[in-house]
Protein backbone atom coordinates (compact mmCIF):
# COMPACT_ATOMS: atom_id res chain seq x y z
CA UNK A 1 -11.57 -31.42 5.00
CA UNK A 2 -14.53 -31.84 7.32
CA UNK A 3 -17.70 -33.92 7.06
CA UNK A 4 -20.67 -31.68 7.83
CA UNK A 5 -24.03 -33.11 8.82
CA UNK A 6 -27.22 -31.05 9.07
CA UNK A 7 -29.11 -32.71 11.92
CA UNK A 8 -32.84 -32.46 12.57
CA UNK A 9 -34.72 -34.28 15.33
CA UNK A 10 -36.36 -36.87 13.08
CA UNK A 11 -35.67 -40.35 11.76
CA UNK A 12 -34.14 -38.74 8.66
CA UNK A 13 -31.84 -36.65 10.87
CA UNK A 14 -30.69 -39.75 12.73
CA UNK A 15 -30.04 -41.52 9.44
CA UNK A 16 -28.08 -38.52 8.18
CA UNK A 17 -26.03 -38.49 11.37
CA UNK A 18 -25.23 -42.19 11.10
CA UNK A 19 -24.25 -41.80 7.44
CA UNK A 20 -22.04 -38.81 8.27
CA UNK A 21 -20.32 -40.73 11.06
CA UNK A 22 -19.58 -43.66 8.77
CA UNK A 23 -18.30 -41.24 6.11
CA UNK A 24 -16.05 -39.49 8.64
CA UNK A 25 -14.69 -42.86 9.79
CA UNK A 26 -14.07 -43.93 6.19
CA UNK A 27 -12.33 -40.69 5.24
CA UNK A 28 -10.65 -40.19 8.64
CA UNK A 29 -11.98 -36.64 8.80
CA UNK A 30 -13.45 -34.36 11.44
CA UNK A 31 -17.23 -34.39 11.95
CA UNK A 32 -19.07 -31.07 12.29
CA UNK A 33 -22.74 -30.95 13.28
CA UNK A 34 -25.28 -28.27 12.39
CA UNK A 35 -28.54 -28.52 14.34
CA UNK A 36 -31.35 -27.31 12.08
CA UNK A 37 -34.10 -26.96 14.67
CA UNK A 38 -33.76 -23.59 16.39
CA UNK A 39 -32.72 -24.09 20.03
CA UNK A 40 -33.10 -21.96 23.11
CA UNK A 41 -29.50 -21.28 24.07
CA UNK A 42 -26.88 -23.80 23.05
CA UNK A 43 -28.22 -26.95 24.64
CA UNK A 44 -27.64 -30.08 22.61
CA UNK A 45 -30.86 -32.06 22.02
CA UNK A 46 -31.02 -35.31 23.98
CA UNK A 47 -31.36 -37.46 20.86
CA UNK A 48 -28.28 -35.83 19.33
CA UNK A 49 -26.32 -36.26 22.56
CA UNK A 50 -27.16 -39.96 22.48
CA UNK A 51 -25.99 -40.22 18.86
CA UNK A 52 -22.78 -38.33 19.64
CA UNK A 53 -22.01 -40.75 22.44
CA UNK A 54 -21.97 -43.58 19.89
CA UNK A 55 -19.38 -41.83 17.65
CA UNK A 56 -16.09 -43.77 17.67
CA UNK A 57 -13.11 -42.19 19.39
CA UNK A 58 -11.21 -42.19 16.10
CA UNK A 59 -13.49 -39.46 14.73
CA UNK A 60 -12.64 -35.98 15.98
CA UNK A 61 -15.77 -33.96 16.70
CA UNK A 62 -15.85 -30.40 15.52
CA UNK A 63 -17.97 -27.73 17.15
CA UNK A 64 -21.73 -28.20 17.22
CA UNK A 65 -23.47 -25.17 15.75
CA UNK A 66 -27.12 -24.16 15.75
CA UNK A 67 -29.24 -22.55 13.06
CA UNK A 68 -30.53 -19.12 13.99
CA UNK A 69 -34.31 -18.86 14.02
CA UNK A 70 -34.42 -16.06 11.44
CA UNK A 71 -32.06 -17.75 8.96
CA UNK A 72 -33.15 -20.03 6.15
CA UNK A 73 -32.13 -23.70 6.37
CA UNK A 74 -30.25 -23.69 3.07
CA UNK A 75 -28.41 -20.49 3.96
CA UNK A 76 -27.41 -21.93 7.33
CA UNK A 77 -26.02 -25.06 5.70
CA UNK A 78 -24.04 -23.09 3.11
CA UNK A 79 -22.70 -20.68 5.74
CA UNK A 80 -21.61 -23.52 8.01
CA UNK A 81 -20.02 -25.42 5.13
CA UNK A 82 -18.03 -22.32 4.23
CA UNK A 83 -16.94 -21.93 7.84
CA UNK A 84 -15.70 -25.50 8.37
CA UNK A 85 -14.11 -26.18 4.98
CA UNK A 86 -13.64 -22.87 3.20
CA UNK A 87 -10.97 -24.08 0.80
CA UNK A 88 -12.84 -27.04 -0.65
CA UNK A 89 -16.31 -25.48 -0.41
CA UNK A 90 -15.29 -22.32 -2.23
CA UNK A 91 -14.11 -24.32 -5.24
CA UNK A 92 -17.33 -26.38 -5.20
CA UNK A 93 -19.39 -23.22 -4.88
CA UNK A 94 -17.59 -21.62 -7.83
CA UNK A 95 -18.27 -24.73 -9.88
CA UNK A 96 -21.96 -24.62 -8.94
CA UNK A 97 -22.17 -20.95 -9.85
CA UNK A 98 -20.53 -21.58 -13.25
CA UNK A 99 -22.94 -24.38 -14.05
CA UNK A 100 -25.90 -22.27 -12.94
CA UNK A 101 -24.78 -19.39 -15.17
CA UNK A 102 -24.44 -21.70 -18.15
CA UNK A 103 -27.85 -23.24 -17.42
CA UNK A 104 -29.48 -19.80 -17.36
CA UNK A 105 -27.72 -18.88 -20.60
CA UNK A 106 -29.05 -22.03 -22.27
CA UNK A 107 -32.50 -21.40 -20.83
CA UNK A 108 -32.61 -17.82 -22.12
CA UNK A 109 -31.56 -18.92 -25.58
CA UNK A 110 -34.42 -21.43 -25.71
CA UNK A 111 -37.18 -19.28 -24.29
CA UNK A 112 -36.99 -16.53 -26.89
CA UNK A 113 -38.69 -17.00 -30.23
CA UNK A 114 -36.31 -17.37 -33.10
CA UNK A 115 -37.41 -17.47 -36.73
CA UNK A 116 -37.30 -20.93 -38.23
CA UNK A 117 -36.26 -21.73 -41.79
CA UNK A 118 -39.09 -21.68 -44.29
CA UNK A 119 -38.84 -25.41 -44.87
CA UNK A 120 -39.83 -26.01 -41.25
CA UNK A 121 -43.33 -24.54 -41.50
CA UNK A 122 -44.08 -25.23 -45.16
CA UNK A 123 -43.52 -28.96 -45.38
CA UNK A 124 -45.35 -30.87 -48.06
CA UNK A 125 -48.44 -32.69 -46.84
CA UNK A 126 -47.91 -36.33 -46.01
CA UNK A 127 -50.01 -38.91 -47.83
CA UNK A 128 -52.96 -40.39 -45.99
CA UNK A 129 -51.76 -43.66 -44.44
CA UNK A 130 -55.18 -45.34 -44.68
CA UNK A 131 -56.39 -46.57 -48.10
CA UNK A 132 -59.70 -45.16 -49.30
C-alpha cells in the first residue's frame, strides 16, 4: 500500500506533507506525491523539493505527479489514489459507494410525504399549565 499526499504550496500543504511522511515512516510504506497546483511542465516546486530533501532514506519515494489544469482537484486525487493503490482503494471506493447509495435511499424515504396515523394529528388538547 502507498501513502498518498495531495500537496499544495501553502502552510496546510507543508503540514500535510509532514504528516504523510511520518505516516509513511510509521507504516513503512512508499510515499506518493500529487501536486495540486497546476505546473508548467513537470518541474517540482522549490518548497516541495526542500520538503522532499528532508524525507528519511527509509521511505521510498514514488513518482511525483501533477494535477492537470482542466481536471477537478477531487477527481485528480481519486484518480491518483486509484493509480498508486488500486487494490485497497477499489475496496474503499466500493464501500463509499454502498454507503452513499444507502444514504440516498434513506433520504428519499424521508423526503416524501407519508400519511400518518389518525392519532398523530387528532391528539386531545393538553390542559393549560397555568392556573386561572
